[in-house]
PDB file of N, CA and C in Angstrom:
ATOM      1  N   MET A   1      -7.153 204.190  12.188  1.00  0.00           N
ATOM      2  CA  MET A   1      -5.927 204.791  11.695  1.00  0.00           C
ATOM      3  C   MET A   1      -4.749 203.979  12.219  1.00  0.00           C
ATOM      4  N   ALA A   2      -3.918 203.511  11.332  1.00  0.00           N
ATOM      5  CA  ALA A   2      -2.746 202.730  11.699  1.00  0.00           C
ATOM      6  C   ALA A   2      -1.583 203.672  11.998  1.00  0.00           C
ATOM      7  N   LEU A   3      -0.939 203.416  13.112  1.00  0.00           N
ATOM      8  CA  LEU A   3       0.214 204.220  13.490  1.00  0.00           C
ATOM      9  C   LEU A   3       1.481 203.570  12.966  1.00  0.00           C
ATOM     10  N   GLY A   4       2.406 204.384  12.510  1.00  0.00           N
ATOM     11  CA  GLY A   4       3.683 203.872  12.054  1.00  0.00           C
ATOM     12  C   GLY A   4       4.542 203.447  13.230  1.00  0.00           C
ATOM     13  N   TYR A   5       5.599 202.724  12.918  1.00  0.00           N
ATOM     14  CA  TYR A   5       6.482 202.200  13.963  1.00  0.00           C
ATOM     15  C   TYR A   5       7.123 203.322  14.779  1.00  0.00           C
ATOM     16  N   ARG A   6       7.657 204.333  14.102  1.00  0.00           N
ATOM     17  CA  ARG A   6       8.312 205.435  14.820  1.00  0.00           C
ATOM     18  C   ARG A   6       7.317 206.212  15.677  1.00  0.00           C
ATOM     19  N   THR A   7       6.107 206.394  15.185  1.00  0.00           N
ATOM     20  CA  THR A   7       5.074 207.092  15.953  1.00  0.00           C
ATOM     21  C   THR A   7       4.704 206.298  17.197  1.00  0.00           C
ATOM     22  N   ARG A   8       4.562 204.978  17.044  1.00  0.00           N
ATOM     23  CA  ARG A   8       4.244 204.139  18.202  1.00  0.00           C
ATOM     24  C   ARG A   8       5.366 204.150  19.229  1.00  0.00           C
ATOM     25  N   ARG A   9       6.621 204.164  18.763  1.00  0.00           N
ATOM     26  CA  ARG A   9       7.752 204.220  19.701  1.00  0.00           C
ATOM     27  C   ARG A   9       7.742 205.523  20.489  1.00  0.00           C
ATOM     28  N   ARG A  10       7.534 206.619  19.804  1.00  0.00           N
ATOM     29  CA  ARG A  10       7.515 207.919  20.490  1.00  0.00           C
ATOM     30  C   ARG A  10       6.324 208.036  21.424  1.00  0.00           C
ATOM     31  N   LEU A  11       5.177 207.569  20.985  1.00  0.00           N
ATOM     32  CA  LEU A  11       3.980 207.616  21.814  1.00  0.00           C
ATOM     33  C   LEU A  11       4.120 206.725  23.045  1.00  0.00           C
ATOM     34  N   SER A  12       4.727 205.560  22.892  1.00  0.00           N
ATOM     35  CA  SER A  12       4.928 204.684  24.036  1.00  0.00           C
ATOM     36  C   SER A  12       5.895 205.303  25.042  1.00  0.00           C
ATOM     37  N   LEU A  13       6.919 205.981  24.565  1.00  0.00           N
ATOM     38  CA  LEU A  13       7.837 206.664  25.466  1.00  0.00           C
ATOM     39  C   LEU A  13       7.145 207.791  26.220  1.00  0.00           C
ATOM     40  N   LEU A  14       6.320 208.546  25.527  1.00  0.00           N
ATOM     41  CA  LEU A  14       5.548 209.601  26.170  1.00  0.00           C
ATOM     42  C   LEU A  14       4.597 209.033  27.226  1.00  0.00           C
ATOM     43  N   ILE A  15       3.942 207.934  26.903  1.00  0.00           N
ATOM     44  CA  ILE A  15       3.022 207.300  27.858  1.00  0.00           C
ATOM     45  C   ILE A  15       3.777 206.837  29.095  1.00  0.00           C
ATOM     46  N   LEU A  16       4.941 206.233  28.912  1.00  0.00           N
ATOM     47  CA  LEU A  16       5.689 205.716  30.051  1.00  0.00           C
ATOM     48  C   LEU A  16       6.314 206.825  30.900  1.00  0.00           C
ATOM     49  N   LEU A  17       6.771 207.897  30.277  1.00  0.00           N
ATOM     50  CA  LEU A  17       7.453 208.953  31.031  1.00  0.00           C
ATOM     51  C   LEU A  17       6.502 209.979  31.639  1.00  0.00           C
ATOM     52  N   VAL A  18       5.364 210.214  31.023  1.00  0.00           N
ATOM     53  CA  VAL A  18       4.428 211.221  31.515  1.00  0.00           C
ATOM     54  C   VAL A  18       3.153 210.577  32.059  1.00  0.00           C
ATOM     55  N   GLY A  19       2.563 209.703  31.264  1.00  0.00           N
ATOM     56  CA  GLY A  19       1.285 209.119  31.644  1.00  0.00           C
ATOM     57  C   GLY A  19       1.359 208.182  32.827  1.00  0.00           C
ATOM     58  N   MET A  20       2.400 207.363  32.884  1.00  0.00           N
ATOM     59  CA  MET A  20       2.513 206.395  33.981  1.00  0.00           C
ATOM     60  C   MET A  20       2.642 207.069  35.343  1.00  0.00           C
ATOM     61  N   PRO A  21       3.516 208.058  35.526  1.00  0.00           N
ATOM     62  CA  PRO A  21       3.564 208.724  36.835  1.00  0.00           C
ATOM     63  C   PRO A  21       2.242 209.400  37.203  1.00  0.00           C
ATOM     64  N   LEU A  22       1.562 209.995  36.228  1.00  0.00           N
ATOM     65  CA  LEU A  22       0.257 210.595  36.508  1.00  0.00           C
ATOM     66  C   LEU A  22      -0.762 209.535  36.919  1.00  0.00           C
ATOM     67  N   TYR A  23      -0.715 208.380  36.285  1.00  0.00           N
ATOM     68  CA  TYR A  23      -1.628 207.303  36.637  1.00  0.00           C
ATOM     69  C   TYR A  23      -1.333 206.754  38.034  1.00  0.00           C
ATOM     70  N   VAL A  24      -0.057 206.659  38.395  1.00  0.00           N
ATOM     71  CA  VAL A  24       0.312 206.185  39.733  1.00  0.00           C
ATOM     72  C   VAL A  24      -0.230 207.140  40.784  1.00  0.00           C
ATOM     73  N   VAL A  25      -0.081 208.436  40.567  1.00  0.00           N
ATOM     74  CA  VAL A  25      -0.609 209.423  41.517  1.00  0.00           C
ATOM     75  C   VAL A  25      -2.131 209.303  41.607  1.00  0.00           C
ATOM     76  N   ALA A  26      -2.800 209.124  40.481  1.00  0.00           N
ATOM     77  CA  ALA A  26      -4.253 208.970  40.493  1.00  0.00           C
ATOM     78  C   ALA A  26      -4.679 207.692  41.210  1.00  0.00           C
ATOM     79  N   ALA A  27      -3.941 206.601  41.038  1.00  0.00           N
ATOM     80  CA  ALA A  27      -4.278 205.335  41.700  1.00  0.00           C
ATOM     81  C   ALA A  27      -4.092 205.443  43.208  1.00  0.00           C
ATOM     82  N   VAL A  28      -3.004 206.043  43.655  1.00  0.00           N
ATOM     83  CA  VAL A  28      -2.772 206.207  45.094  1.00  0.00           C
ATOM     84  C   VAL A  28      -3.813 207.140  45.691  1.00  0.00           C
ATOM     85  N   THR A  29      -4.174 208.185  44.967  1.00  0.00           N
ATOM     86  CA  THR A  29      -5.218 209.098  45.436  1.00  0.00           C
ATOM     87  C   THR A  29      -6.551 208.373  45.555  1.00  0.00           C
ATOM     88  N   ALA A  30      -6.875 207.525  44.605  1.00  0.00           N
ATOM     89  CA  ALA A  30      -8.128 206.770  44.652  1.00  0.00           C
ATOM     90  C   ALA A  30      -8.155 205.814  45.835  1.00  0.00           C
ATOM     91  N   VAL A  31      -7.051 205.141  46.114  1.00  0.00           N
ATOM     92  CA  VAL A  31      -7.003 204.219  47.254  1.00  0.00           C
ATOM     93  C   VAL A  31      -7.081 205.002  48.556  1.00  0.00           C
ATOM     94  N   ASN A  32      -6.429 206.156  48.638  1.00  0.00           N
ATOM     95  CA  ASN A  32      -6.530 206.983  49.850  1.00  0.00           C
ATOM     96  C   ASN A  32      -7.948 207.503  50.038  1.00  0.00           C
ATOM     97  N   TRP A  33      -8.631 207.865  48.950  1.00  0.00           N
ATOM     98  CA  TRP A  33     -10.020 208.297  49.045  1.00  0.00           C
ATOM     99  C   TRP A  33     -10.897 207.156  49.545  1.00  0.00           C
ATOM    100  N   MET A  34     -10.601 205.946  49.062  1.00  0.00           N
ATOM    101  CA  MET A  34     -11.344 204.774  49.507  1.00  0.00           C
ATOM    102  C   MET A  34     -11.140 204.539  51.008  1.00  0.00           C
ATOM    103  N   ASP A  35      -9.916 204.738  51.493  1.00  0.00           N
ATOM    104  CA  ASP A  35      -9.632 204.572  52.921  1.00  0.00           C
ATOM    105  C   ASP A  35     -10.377 205.605  53.752  1.00  0.00           C
ATOM    106  N   ARG A  36     -10.417 206.854  53.268  1.00  0.00           N
ATOM    107  CA  ARG A  36     -11.118 207.896  54.019  1.00  0.00           C
ATOM    108  C   ARG A  36     -12.622 207.679  54.005  1.00  0.00           C
ATOM    109  N   SER A  37     -13.163 207.173  52.899  1.00  0.00           N
ATOM    110  CA  SER A  37     -14.609 207.004  52.778  1.00  0.00           C
ATOM    111  C   SER A  37     -15.131 205.766  53.501  1.00  0.00           C
ATOM    112  N   PHE A  38     -14.405 204.663  53.407  1.00  0.00           N
ATOM    113  CA  PHE A  38     -14.894 203.398  53.943  1.00  0.00           C
ATOM    114  C   PHE A  38     -14.080 202.872  55.109  1.00  0.00           C
ATOM    115  N   GLY A  39     -13.104 203.616  55.555  1.00  0.00           N
ATOM    116  CA  GLY A  39     -12.225 203.141  56.620  1.00  0.00           C
ATOM    117  C   GLY A  39     -11.094 202.306  56.041  1.00  0.00           C
ATOM    118  N   ARG A  40     -10.128 202.017  56.873  1.00  0.00           N
ATOM    119  CA  ARG A  40      -8.952 201.258  56.423  1.00  0.00           C
ATOM    120  C   ARG A  40      -9.356 199.839  56.040  1.00  0.00           C
ATOM    121  N   GLN A  41      -8.983 199.445  54.838  1.00  0.00           N
ATOM    122  CA  GLN A  41      -9.288 198.110  54.334  1.00  0.00           C
ATOM    123  C   GLN A  41      -8.163 197.147  54.713  1.00  0.00           C
ATOM    124  N   PRO A  42      -8.467 195.857  54.749  1.00  0.00           N
ATOM    125  CA  PRO A  42      -7.397 194.870  54.972  1.00  0.00           C
ATOM    126  C   PRO A  42      -6.336 194.984  53.876  1.00  0.00           C
ATOM    127  N   ILE A  43      -5.138 194.582  54.201  1.00  0.00           N
ATOM    128  CA  ILE A  43      -4.018 194.729  53.271  1.00  0.00           C
ATOM    129  C   ILE A  43      -4.267 193.959  51.971  1.00  0.00           C
ATOM    130  N   TRP A  44      -4.946 192.823  52.041  1.00  0.00           N
ATOM    131  CA  TRP A  44      -5.176 192.044  50.824  1.00  0.00           C
ATOM    132  C   TRP A  44      -6.147 192.753  49.879  1.00  0.00           C
ATOM    133  N   VAL A  45      -7.081 193.550  50.439  1.00  0.00           N
ATOM    134  CA  VAL A  45      -7.995 194.316  49.591  1.00  0.00           C
ATOM    135  C   VAL A  45      -7.229 195.434  48.879  1.00  0.00           C
ATOM    136  N   GLU A  46      -6.371 196.122  49.620  1.00  0.00           N
ATOM    137  CA  GLU A  46      -5.562 197.173  48.991  1.00  0.00           C
ATOM    138  C   GLU A  46      -4.640 196.584  47.936  1.00  0.00           C
ATOM    139  N   LEU A  47      -4.047 195.448  48.224  1.00  0.00           N
ATOM    140  CA  LEU A  47      -3.179 194.790  47.252  1.00  0.00           C
ATOM    141  C   LEU A  47      -3.961 194.413  46.001  1.00  0.00           C
ATOM    142  N   LEU A  48      -5.163 193.894  46.187  1.00  0.00           N
ATOM    143  CA  LEU A  48      -6.004 193.535  45.052  1.00  0.00           C
ATOM    144  C   LEU A  48      -6.357 194.763  44.211  1.00  0.00           C
ATOM    145  N   VAL A  49      -6.666 195.874  44.874  1.00  0.00           N
ATOM    146  CA  VAL A  49      -6.988 197.107  44.153  1.00  0.00           C
ATOM    147  C   VAL A  49      -5.768 197.602  43.368  1.00  0.00           C
ATOM    148  N   TYR A  50      -4.592 197.594  43.996  1.00  0.00           N
ATOM    149  CA  TYR A  50      -3.388 198.051  43.294  1.00  0.00           C
ATOM    150  C   TYR A  50      -3.037 197.137  42.121  1.00  0.00           C
ATOM    151  N   VAL A  51      -3.199 195.836  42.280  1.00  0.00           N
ATOM    152  CA  VAL A  51      -2.915 194.912  41.176  1.00  0.00           C
ATOM    153  C   VAL A  51      -3.903 195.149  40.030  1.00  0.00           C
ATOM    154  N   ALA A  52      -5.179 195.325  40.364  1.00  0.00           N
ATOM    155  CA  ALA A  52      -6.179 195.580  39.323  1.00  0.00           C
ATOM    156  C   ALA A  52      -5.889 196.897  38.602  1.00  0.00           C
ATOM    157  N   LEU A  53      -5.568 197.950  39.346  1.00  0.00           N
ATOM    158  CA  LEU A  53      -5.252 199.231  38.713  1.00  0.00           C
ATOM    159  C   LEU A  53      -3.961 199.145  37.902  1.00  0.00           C
ATOM    160  N   GLY A  54      -2.999 198.358  38.368  1.00  0.00           N
ATOM    161  CA  GLY A  54      -1.752 198.172  37.628  1.00  0.00           C
ATOM    162  C   GLY A  54      -1.961 197.437  36.316  1.00  0.00           C
ATOM    163  N   PHE A  55      -2.952 196.570  36.271  1.00  0.00           N
ATOM    164  CA  PHE A  55      -3.269 195.852  35.038  1.00  0.00           C
ATOM    165  C   PHE A  55      -4.120 196.702  34.104  1.00  0.00           C
ATOM    166  N   LEU A  56      -5.037 197.454  34.665  1.00  0.00           N
ATOM    167  CA  LEU A  56      -5.996 198.209  33.847  1.00  0.00           C
ATOM    168  C   LEU A  56      -5.372 199.369  33.074  1.00  0.00           C
ATOM    169  N   TRP A  57      -4.257 199.917  33.545  1.00  0.00           N
ATOM    170  CA  TRP A  57      -3.692 201.077  32.858  1.00  0.00           C
ATOM    171  C   TRP A  57      -3.194 200.711  31.459  1.00  0.00           C
ATOM    172  N   ALA A  58      -2.781 199.466  31.277  1.00  0.00           N
ATOM    173  CA  ALA A  58      -2.179 199.076  30.001  1.00  0.00           C
ATOM    174  C   ALA A  58      -3.210 198.670  28.952  1.00  0.00           C
ATOM    175  N   LEU A  59      -4.415 198.366  29.352  1.00  0.00           N
ATOM    176  CA  LEU A  59      -5.403 197.878  28.384  1.00  0.00           C
ATOM    177  C   LEU A  59      -5.668 198.844  27.228  1.00  0.00           C
ATOM    178  N   PRO A  60      -5.838 200.137  27.477  1.00  0.00           N
ATOM    179  CA  PRO A  60      -6.084 201.023  26.331  1.00  0.00           C
ATOM    180  C   PRO A  60      -4.873 201.209  25.422  1.00  0.00           C
ATOM    181  N   PHE A  61      -3.684 200.858  25.898  1.00  0.00           N
ATOM    182  CA  PHE A  61      -2.462 201.129  25.141  1.00  0.00           C
ATOM    183  C   PHE A  61      -1.830 199.877  24.545  1.00  0.00           C
ATOM    184  N   ARG A  62      -2.549 198.777  24.522  1.00  0.00           N
ATOM    185  CA  ARG A  62      -1.987 197.533  23.980  1.00  0.00           C
ATOM    186  C   ARG A  62      -1.501 197.707  22.550  1.00  0.00           C
ATOM    187  N   ARG A  63      -2.284 198.368  21.734  1.00  0.00           N
ATOM    188  CA  ARG A  63      -1.910 198.515  20.326  1.00  0.00           C
ATOM    189  C   ARG A  63      -0.690 199.415  20.152  1.00  0.00           C
ATOM    190  N   VAL A  64      -0.502 200.359  21.059  1.00  0.00           N
ATOM    191  CA  VAL A  64       0.657 201.251  20.956  1.00  0.00           C
ATOM    192  C   VAL A  64       1.931 200.494  21.305  1.00  0.00           C
ATOM    193  N   PHE A  65       1.884 199.668  22.359  1.00  0.00           N
ATOM    194  CA  PHE A  65       3.084 198.985  22.838  1.00  0.00           C
ATOM    195  C   PHE A  65       3.422 197.721  22.053  1.00  0.00           C
ATOM    196  N   ARG A  66       2.498 197.201  21.282  1.00  0.00           N
ATOM    197  CA  ARG A  66       2.728 195.939  20.579  1.00  0.00           C
ATOM    198  C   ARG A  66       3.827 196.086  19.533  1.00  0.00           C
ATOM    199  N   GLY A  67       4.887 195.295  19.670  1.00  0.00           N
ATOM    200  CA  GLY A  67       5.967 195.262  18.694  1.00  0.00           C
ATOM    201  C   GLY A  67       6.968 196.393  18.797  1.00  0.00           C
ATOM    202  N   VAL A  68       6.878 197.243  19.836  1.00  0.00           N
ATOM    203  CA  VAL A  68       7.789 198.380  19.931  1.00  0.00           C
ATOM    204  C   VAL A  68       9.207 197.930  20.258  1.00  0.00           C
ATOM    205  N   GLY A  69       9.372 196.824  20.967  1.00  0.00           N
ATOM    206  CA  GLY A  69      10.703 196.349  21.334  1.00  0.00           C
ATOM    207  C   GLY A  69      11.413 195.598  20.228  1.00  0.00           C
ATOM    208  N   GLN A  70      10.761 195.404  19.112  1.00  0.00           N
ATOM    209  CA  GLN A  70      11.362 194.682  18.004  1.00  0.00           C
ATOM    210  C   GLN A  70      11.966 195.653  16.999  1.00  0.00           C
ATOM    211  N   ALA A  71      12.661 195.099  16.049  1.00  0.00           N
ATOM    212  CA  ALA A  71      13.285 195.925  15.004  1.00  0.00           C
ATOM    213  C   ALA A  71      12.212 196.562  14.137  1.00  0.00           C
ATOM    214  N   ASP A  72      12.540 197.696  13.576  1.00  0.00           N
ATOM    215  CA  ASP A  72      11.610 198.421  12.708  1.00  0.00           C
ATOM    216  C   ASP A  72      11.328 197.596  11.456  1.00  0.00           C
ATOM    217  N   PRO A  73      10.069 197.214  11.244  1.00  0.00           N
ATOM    218  CA  PRO A  73       9.772 196.408  10.055  1.00  0.00           C
ATOM    219  C   PRO A  73       9.902 197.190   8.756  1.00  0.00           C
ATOM    220  N   GLU A  74       9.846 198.499   8.802  1.00  0.00           N
ATOM    221  CA  GLU A  74       9.955 199.320   7.603  1.00  0.00           C
ATOM    222  C   GLU A  74      11.390 199.767   7.334  1.00  0.00           C
ATOM    223  N   ASP A  75      12.314 199.304   8.155  1.00  0.00           N
ATOM    224  CA  ASP A  75      13.704 199.730   8.069  1.00  0.00           C
ATOM    225  C   ASP A  75      14.432 199.077   6.909  1.00  0.00           C
ATOM    226  N   GLY A  76      13.955 197.953   6.453  1.00  0.00           N
ATOM    227  CA  GLY A  76      14.632 197.259   5.376  1.00  0.00           C
ATOM    228  C   GLY A  76      15.687 196.308   5.881  1.00  0.00           C
ATOM    229  N   ALA A  77      15.648 195.959   7.155  1.00  0.00           N
ATOM    230  CA  ALA A  77      16.641 195.062   7.720  1.00  0.00           C
ATOM    231  C   ALA A  77      16.470 193.640   7.187  1.00  0.00           C
ATOM    232  N   ASN A  78      15.315 193.341   6.640  1.00  0.00           N
ATOM    233  CA  ASN A  78      15.066 191.999   6.122  1.00  0.00           C
ATOM    234  C   ASN A  78      15.579 191.809   4.696  1.00  0.00           C
ATOM    235  N   ARG A  79      16.044 192.882   4.085  1.00  0.00           N
ATOM    236  CA  ARG A  79      16.563 192.789   2.730  1.00  0.00           C
ATOM    237  C   ARG A  79      17.950 192.132   2.758  1.00  0.00           C
ATOM    238  N   PRO A  80      18.299 191.439   1.695  1.00  0.00           N
ATOM    239  CA  PRO A  80      19.659 190.872   1.633  1.00  0.00           C
ATOM    240  C   PRO A  80      20.690 191.994   1.502  1.00  0.00           C
ATOM    241  N   PRO A  81      21.878 191.792   2.037  1.00  0.00           N
ATOM    242  CA  PRO A  81      22.909 192.848   1.945  1.00  0.00           C
ATOM    243  C   PRO A  81      23.356 193.058   0.513  1.00  0.00           C
ATOM    244  N   ARG A  82      23.698 194.322   0.207  1.00  0.00           N
ATOM    245  CA  ARG A  82      24.184 194.642  -1.136  1.00  0.00           C
ATOM    246  C   ARG A  82      25.650 194.318  -1.232  1.00  0.00           C
ATOM    247  N   ASP A  83      26.049 193.974  -2.457  1.00  0.00           N
ATOM    248  CA  ASP A  83      27.476 193.647  -2.681  1.00  0.00           C
ATOM    249  C   ASP A  83      28.272 194.878  -2.945  1.00  0.00           C
TER     250      ASP A  83
END
């Protein structure tokens, strides 16, 4: 199912305002659980985990975010101006 431009814009805003903070809380909780289960890890391991989690959150949403910062292709902005 192809999403329209306006739907993708609204969905991307919802993901960034609601989903991202929830994902950050889940990532910090996961790293804290890892610390409690396996002991304190070196800082480079924690950094690697945070970088990996920071990259992984966007993978399922690539299609939603693609082209959202550009002009609406269905807006008719590419048409020549009327006289």
